[in-house]
PDB file of all heavy atoms in Angstrom:
ATOM      1  N   VAL A   1       0.841  -1.181  -0.014  1.00  0.00           N
ATOM      2  CA  VAL A   1       0.000  -0.011   0.003  1.00  0.00           C
ATOM      3  C   VAL A   1       0.899   1.239  -0.003  1.00  0.00           C
ATOM      4  O   VAL A   1       0.638   2.207  -0.767  1.00  0.00           O
ATOM      5  CB  VAL A   1      -0.974  -0.003   1.213  1.00  0.00           C
ATOM      6  CG1 VAL A   1      -1.647   1.363   1.371  1.00  0.00           C
ATOM      7  CG2 VAL A   1      -1.995  -1.115   1.057  1.00  0.00           C
ATOM      8  N   ALA A   2       1.899   1.263   0.833  1.00  0.00           N
ATOM      9  CA  ALA A   2       2.809   2.396   0.922  1.00  0.00           C
ATOM     10  C   ALA A   2       3.498   2.676  -0.421  1.00  0.00           C
ATOM     11  O   ALA A   2       3.601   3.815  -0.884  1.00  0.00           O
ATOM     12  CB  ALA A   2       3.818   2.232   2.049  1.00  0.00           C
ATOM     13  N   ARG A   3       3.990   1.633  -1.058  1.00  0.00           N
ATOM     14  CA  ARG A   3       4.625   1.738  -2.369  1.00  0.00           C
ATOM     15  C   ARG A   3       3.687   2.321  -3.395  1.00  0.00           C
ATOM     16  O   ARG A   3       4.002   3.178  -4.203  1.00  0.00           O
ATOM     17  CB  ARG A   3       5.118   0.372  -2.889  1.00  0.00           C
ATOM     18  CG  ARG A   3       6.544   0.047  -2.424  1.00  0.00           C
ATOM     19  CD  ARG A   3       7.105  -1.165  -3.209  1.00  0.00           C
ATOM     20  NE  ARG A   3       6.385  -2.376  -2.901  1.00  0.00           N
ATOM     21  CZ  ARG A   3       6.550  -3.134  -1.815  1.00  0.00           C
ATOM     22  NH1 ARG A   3       7.414  -2.782  -0.918  1.00  0.00           N
ATOM     23  NH2 ARG A   3       5.854  -4.234  -1.657  1.00  0.00           N
ATOM     24  N   THR A   4       2.422   1.822  -3.366  1.00  0.00           N
ATOM     25  CA  THR A   4       1.426   2.341  -4.315  1.00  0.00           C
ATOM     26  C   THR A   4       1.122   3.795  -4.093  1.00  0.00           C
ATOM     27  O   THR A   4       1.075   4.610  -5.057  1.00  0.00           O
ATOM     28  CB  THR A   4       0.133   1.506  -4.203  1.00  0.00           C
ATOM     29  OG1 THR A   4       0.446   0.165  -4.477  1.00  0.00           O
ATOM     30  CG2 THR A   4      -0.936   2.001  -5.134  1.00  0.00           C
ATOM     31  N   VAL A   5       0.979   4.212  -2.824  1.00  0.00           N
ATOM     32  CA  VAL A   5       0.712   5.616  -2.508  1.00  0.00           C
ATOM     33  C   VAL A   5       1.862   6.497  -2.926  1.00  0.00           C
ATOM     34  O   VAL A   5       1.680   7.582  -3.474  1.00  0.00           O
ATOM     35  CB  VAL A   5       0.312   5.793  -1.052  1.00  0.00           C
ATOM     36  CG1 VAL A   5       0.289   7.249  -0.636  1.00  0.00           C
ATOM     37  CG2 VAL A   5      -0.986   5.086  -0.744  1.00  0.00           C
ATOM     38  N   ARG A   6       3.124   6.015  -2.662  1.00  0.00           N
ATOM     39  CA  ARG A   6       4.272   6.800  -3.068  1.00  0.00           C
ATOM     40  C   ARG A   6       4.335   6.957  -4.565  1.00  0.00           C
ATOM     41  O   ARG A   6       4.650   8.050  -5.042  1.00  0.00           O
ATOM     42  CB  ARG A   6       5.583   6.152  -2.563  1.00  0.00           C
ATOM     43  CG  ARG A   6       5.879   6.410  -1.090  1.00  0.00           C
ATOM     44  CD  ARG A   6       7.285   6.013  -0.683  1.00  0.00           C
ATOM     45  NE  ARG A   6       7.553   4.636  -0.903  1.00  0.00           N
ATOM     46  CZ  ARG A   6       7.326   3.628  -0.036  1.00  0.00           C
ATOM     47  NH1 ARG A   6       6.863   3.958   1.125  1.00  0.00           N
ATOM     48  NH2 ARG A   6       7.641   2.411  -0.301  1.00  0.00           N
ATOM     49  N   ARG A   7       3.998   5.905  -5.320  1.00  0.00           N
ATOM     50  CA  ARG A   7       4.000   5.987  -6.768  1.00  0.00           C
ATOM     51  C   ARG A   7       2.957   6.954  -7.262  1.00  0.00           C
ATOM     52  O   ARG A   7       3.205   7.792  -8.101  1.00  0.00           O
ATOM     53  CB  ARG A   7       3.751   4.623  -7.377  1.00  0.00           C
ATOM     54  CG  ARG A   7       3.968   4.617  -8.885  1.00  0.00           C
ATOM     55  CD  ARG A   7       3.596   3.298  -9.546  1.00  0.00           C
ATOM     56  NE  ARG A   7       2.173   3.232  -9.679  1.00  0.00           N
ATOM     57  CZ  ARG A   7       1.345   2.363  -9.050  1.00  0.00           C
ATOM     58  NH1 ARG A   7       1.851   1.478  -8.254  1.00  0.00           N
ATOM     59  NH2 ARG A   7       0.057   2.423  -9.196  1.00  0.00           N
ATOM     60  N   ILE A   8       1.762   6.945  -6.660  1.00  0.00           N
ATOM     61  CA  ILE A   8       0.690   7.871  -7.060  1.00  0.00           C
ATOM     62  C   ILE A   8       1.141   9.272  -6.720  1.00  0.00           C
ATOM     63  O   ILE A   8       0.932  10.212  -7.533  1.00  0.00           O
ATOM     64  CB  ILE A   8      -0.602   7.508  -6.300  1.00  0.00           C
ATOM     65  CG1 ILE A   8      -1.172   6.159  -6.862  1.00  0.00           C
ATOM     66  CG2 ILE A   8      -1.641   8.631  -6.428  1.00  0.00           C
ATOM     67  CD1 ILE A   8      -2.265   5.565  -6.003  1.00  0.00           C
ATOM     68  N   ALA A   9       1.733   9.504  -5.532  1.00  0.00           N
ATOM     69  CA  ALA A   9       2.182  10.840  -5.156  1.00  0.00           C
ATOM     70  C   ALA A   9       3.230  11.354  -6.126  1.00  0.00           C
ATOM     71  O   ALA A   9       3.232  12.512  -6.518  1.00  0.00           O
ATOM     72  CB  ALA A   9       2.686  10.852  -3.741  1.00  0.00           C
ATOM     73  N   ALA A  10       4.170  10.439  -6.485  1.00  0.00           N
ATOM     74  CA  ALA A  10       5.224  10.841  -7.471  1.00  0.00           C
ATOM     75  C   ALA A  10       4.649  11.216  -8.787  1.00  0.00           C
ATOM     76  O   ALA A  10       5.053  12.211  -9.415  1.00  0.00           O
ATOM     77  CB  ALA A  10       6.267   9.743  -7.583  1.00  0.00           C
ATOM     78  N   ASP A  11       3.701  10.379  -9.261  1.00  0.00           N
ATOM     79  CA  ASP A  11       3.046  10.677 -10.533  1.00  0.00           C
ATOM     80  C   ASP A  11       2.253  11.995 -10.486  1.00  0.00           C
ATOM     81  O   ASP A  11       2.336  12.774 -11.421  1.00  0.00           O
ATOM     82  CB  ASP A  11       2.089   9.553 -10.911  1.00  0.00           C
ATOM     83  CG  ASP A  11       2.750   8.276 -11.316  1.00  0.00           C
ATOM     84  OD1 ASP A  11       4.026   8.294 -11.466  1.00  0.00           O
ATOM     85  OD2 ASP A  11       2.070   7.256 -11.393  1.00  0.00           O
ATOM     86  N   ALA A  12       1.599  12.220  -9.384  1.00  0.00           N
ATOM     87  CA  ALA A  12       0.859  13.478  -9.205  1.00  0.00           C
ATOM     88  C   ALA A  12       1.722  14.690  -9.154  1.00  0.00           C
ATOM     89  O   ALA A  12       1.432  15.719  -9.749  1.00  0.00           O
ATOM     90  CB  ALA A  12      -0.030  13.421  -7.965  1.00  0.00           C
ATOM     91  N   SER A  13       2.899  14.548  -8.467  1.00  0.00           N
ATOM     92  CA  SER A  13       3.797  15.692  -8.384  1.00  0.00           C
ATOM     93  C   SER A  13       4.381  16.045  -9.737  1.00  0.00           C
ATOM     94  O   SER A  13       4.653  17.186  -9.996  1.00  0.00           O
ATOM     95  CB  SER A  13       4.888  15.439  -7.330  1.00  0.00           C
ATOM     96  OG  SER A  13       5.762  14.424  -7.792  1.00  0.00           O
ATOM     97  N   GLY A  14       4.538  15.024 -10.572  1.00  0.00           N
ATOM     98  CA  GLY A  14       5.036  15.295 -11.920  1.00  0.00           C
ATOM     99  C   GLY A  14       4.018  16.089 -12.720  1.00  0.00           C
ATOM    100  O   GLY A  14       4.349  16.788 -13.675  1.00  0.00           O
ATOM    101  N   ALA A  15       2.754  15.999 -12.327  1.00  0.00           N
ATOM    102  CA  ALA A  15       1.711  16.726 -13.018  1.00  0.00           C
ATOM    103  C   ALA A  15       1.396  18.046 -12.376  1.00  0.00           C
ATOM    104  O   ALA A  15       0.397  18.675 -12.664  1.00  0.00           O
ATOM    105  CB  ALA A  15       0.409  15.852 -13.041  1.00  0.00           C
ATOM    106  N   GLY A  16       2.307  18.489 -11.474  1.00  0.00           N
ATOM    107  CA  GLY A  16       2.135  19.772 -10.838  1.00  0.00           C
ATOM    108  C   GLY A  16       1.402  19.740  -9.482  1.00  0.00           C
ATOM    109  O   GLY A  16       1.040  20.764  -8.978  1.00  0.00           O
ATOM    110  N   ALA A  17       1.128  18.554  -8.955  1.00  0.00           N
ATOM    111  CA  ALA A  17       0.423  18.446  -7.688  1.00  0.00           C
ATOM    112  C   ALA A  17       1.395  18.361  -6.546  1.00  0.00           C
ATOM    113  O   ALA A  17       1.412  17.345  -5.778  1.00  0.00           O
ATOM    114  CB  ALA A  17      -0.518  17.212  -7.728  1.00  0.00           C
ATOM    115  N   VAL A  18       2.230  19.341  -6.356  1.00  0.00           N
ATOM    116  CA  VAL A  18       3.281  19.308  -5.330  1.00  0.00           C
ATOM    117  C   VAL A  18       2.697  19.204  -3.937  1.00  0.00           C
ATOM    118  O   VAL A  18       3.262  18.498  -3.078  1.00  0.00           O
ATOM    119  CB  VAL A  18       4.147  20.546  -5.459  1.00  0.00           C
ATOM    120  CG1 VAL A  18       5.181  20.660  -4.352  1.00  0.00           C
ATOM    121  CG2 VAL A  18       4.851  20.549  -6.850  1.00  0.00           C
ATOM    122  N   PRO A  19       1.525  19.805  -3.608  1.00  0.00           N
ATOM    123  CA  PRO A  19       1.016  19.693  -2.228  1.00  0.00           C
ATOM    124  C   PRO A  19       0.794  18.232  -1.798  1.00  0.00           C
ATOM    125  O   PRO A  19       1.017  17.849  -0.687  1.00  0.00           O
ATOM    126  CB  PRO A  19      -0.272  20.449  -2.274  1.00  0.00           C
ATOM    127  CG  PRO A  19      -0.086  21.464  -3.334  1.00  0.00           C
ATOM    128  CD  PRO A  19       0.774  20.772  -4.376  1.00  0.00           C
ATOM    129  N   CYS A  20       0.425  17.380  -2.751  1.00  0.00           N
ATOM    130  CA  CYS A  20       0.236  15.967  -2.439  1.00  0.00           C
ATOM    131  C   CYS A  20       1.548  15.342  -2.023  1.00  0.00           C
ATOM    132  O   CYS A  20       1.591  14.590  -1.059  1.00  0.00           O
ATOM    133  CB  CYS A  20      -0.315  15.220  -3.681  1.00  0.00           C
ATOM    134  SG  CYS A  20      -0.592  13.476  -3.423  1.00  0.00           S
ATOM    135  N   ARG A  21       2.615  15.699  -2.732  1.00  0.00           N
ATOM    136  CA  ARG A  21       3.914  15.114  -2.362  1.00  0.00           C
ATOM    137  C   ARG A  21       4.331  15.638  -0.973  1.00  0.00           C
ATOM    138  O   ARG A  21       4.883  14.895  -0.173  1.00  0.00           O
ATOM    139  CB  ARG A  21       4.949  15.466  -3.440  1.00  0.00           C
ATOM    140  CG  ARG A  21       6.255  14.846  -3.087  1.00  0.00           C
ATOM    141  CD  ARG A  21       7.311  15.100  -4.145  1.00  0.00           C
ATOM    142  NE  ARG A  21       8.219  14.010  -4.085  1.00  0.00           N
ATOM    143  CZ  ARG A  21       8.827  13.549  -5.115  1.00  0.00           C
ATOM    144  NH1 ARG A  21       8.591  13.972  -6.297  1.00  0.00           N
ATOM    145  NH2 ARG A  21       9.658  12.541  -4.981  1.00  0.00           N
ATOM    146  N   ARG A  22       4.157  16.930  -0.687  1.00  0.00           N
ATOM    147  CA  ARG A  22       4.522  17.462   0.606  1.00  0.00           C
ATOM    148  C   ARG A  22       3.721  16.801   1.722  1.00  0.00           C
ATOM    149  O   ARG A  22       4.271  16.455   2.750  1.00  0.00           O
ATOM    150  CB  ARG A  22       4.282  18.943   0.640  1.00  0.00           C
ATOM    151  CG  ARG A  22       5.431  19.754   0.153  1.00  0.00           C
ATOM    152  CD  ARG A  22       5.290  21.235   0.344  1.00  0.00           C
ATOM    153  NE  ARG A  22       5.164  21.750  -0.980  1.00  0.00           N
ATOM    154  CZ  ARG A  22       4.347  22.745  -1.348  1.00  0.00           C
ATOM    155  NH1 ARG A  22       3.604  23.331  -0.479  1.00  0.00           N
ATOM    156  NH2 ARG A  22       4.322  23.124  -2.585  1.00  0.00           N
ATOM    157  N   TRP A  23       2.448  16.533   1.498  1.00  0.00           N
ATOM    158  CA  TRP A  23       1.596  15.850   2.492  1.00  0.00           C
ATOM    159  C   TRP A  23       2.163  14.460   2.771  1.00  0.00           C
ATOM    160  O   TRP A  23       2.332  14.079   3.924  1.00  0.00           O
ATOM    161  CB  TRP A  23       0.174  15.751   1.947  1.00  0.00           C
ATOM    162  CG  TRP A  23      -0.726  14.979   2.832  1.00  0.00           C
ATOM    163  CD1 TRP A  23      -1.414  15.421   3.910  1.00  0.00           C
ATOM    164  CD2 TRP A  23      -0.993  13.582   2.771  1.00  0.00           C
ATOM    165  NE1 TRP A  23      -2.094  14.409   4.511  1.00  0.00           N
ATOM    166  CE2 TRP A  23      -1.902  13.273   3.793  1.00  0.00           C
ATOM    167  CE3 TRP A  23      -0.619  12.557   1.877  1.00  0.00           C
ATOM    168  CZ2 TRP A  23      -2.388  12.002   4.014  1.00  0.00           C
ATOM    169  CZ3 TRP A  23      -1.122  11.285   2.070  1.00  0.00           C
ATOM    170  CH2 TRP A  23      -1.962  11.032   3.136  1.00  0.00           C
ATOM    171  N   TRP A  24       2.499  13.712   1.720  1.00  0.00           N
ATOM    172  CA  TRP A  24       2.978  12.359   1.878  1.00  0.00           C
ATOM    173  C   TRP A  24       4.363  12.322   2.541  1.00  0.00           C
ATOM    174  O   TRP A  24       4.627  11.575   3.455  1.00  0.00           O
ATOM    175  CB  TRP A  24       3.052  11.639   0.542  1.00  0.00           C
ATOM    176  CG  TRP A  24       3.581  10.247   0.679  1.00  0.00           C
ATOM    177  CD1 TRP A  24       4.784   9.779   0.276  1.00  0.00           C
ATOM    178  CD2 TRP A  24       2.980   9.149   1.376  1.00  0.00           C
ATOM    179  NE1 TRP A  24       4.924   8.478   0.641  1.00  0.00           N
ATOM    180  CE2 TRP A  24       3.855   8.105   1.316  1.00  0.00           C
ATOM    181  CE3 TRP A  24       1.768   9.022   2.066  1.00  0.00           C
ATOM    182  CZ2 TRP A  24       3.573   6.832   1.877  1.00  0.00           C
ATOM    183  CZ3 TRP A  24       1.470   7.765   2.630  1.00  0.00           C
ATOM    184  CH2 TRP A  24       2.357   6.732   2.530  1.00  0.00           C
ATOM    185  N   THR A  25       5.255  13.258   2.192  1.00  0.00           N
ATOM    186  CA  THR A  25       6.583  13.306   2.765  1.00  0.00           C
ATOM    187  C   THR A  25       6.528  13.563   4.271  1.00  0.00           C
ATOM    188  O   THR A  25       7.247  12.980   5.028  1.00  0.00           O
ATOM    189  CB  THR A  25       7.389  14.391   2.050  1.00  0.00           C
ATOM    190  OG1 THR A  25       7.421  14.127   0.652  1.00  0.00           O
ATOM    191  CG2 THR A  25       8.799  14.439   2.575  1.00  0.00           C
ATOM    192  N   ARG A  26       5.640  14.464   4.693  1.00  0.00           N
ATOM    193  CA  ARG A  26       5.521  14.772   6.127  1.00  0.00           C
ATOM    194  C   ARG A  26       5.083  13.526   6.907  1.00  0.00           C
ATOM    195  O   ARG A  26       5.487  13.296   8.025  1.00  0.00           O
ATOM    196  CB  ARG A  26       4.498  15.861   6.349  1.00  0.00           C
ATOM    197  CG  ARG A  26       5.029  17.246   6.075  1.00  0.00           C
ATOM    198  CD  ARG A  26       4.086  18.318   6.653  1.00  0.00           C
ATOM    199  NE  ARG A  26       2.715  18.164   6.182  1.00  0.00           N
ATOM    200  CZ  ARG A  26       2.176  18.884   5.173  1.00  0.00           C
ATOM    201  NH1 ARG A  26       2.912  19.742   4.560  1.00  0.00           N
ATOM    202  NH2 ARG A  26       0.945  18.651   4.847  1.00  0.00           N
ATOM    203  N   ARG A  27       4.282  12.688   6.311  1.00  0.00           N
ATOM    204  CA  ARG A  27       3.737  11.530   7.005  1.00  0.00           C
ATOM    205  C   ARG A  27       4.663  10.324   6.976  1.00  0.00           C
ATOM    206  O   ARG A  27       4.506   9.392   7.755  1.00  0.00           O
ATOM    207  CB  ARG A  27       2.382  11.161   6.475  1.00  0.00           C
ATOM    208  CG  ARG A  27       1.306  12.035   7.071  1.00  0.00           C
ATOM    209  CD  ARG A  27       0.133  12.304   6.192  1.00  0.00           C
ATOM    210  NE  ARG A  27      -0.802  13.198   6.827  1.00  0.00           N
ATOM    211  CZ  ARG A  27      -0.664  14.509   6.895  1.00  0.00           C
ATOM    212  NH1 ARG A  27       0.378  15.084   6.400  1.00  0.00           N
ATOM    213  NH2 ARG A  27      -1.566  15.282   7.450  1.00  0.00           N
TER     214      ARG A  27
END
């Protein structure tokens, strides 16, 4: 599950969704 969420966050951040990556990194 964690690998999947990290992959989704990385994909989203590539599309300009940086807040998602910051949220995941903090957690």
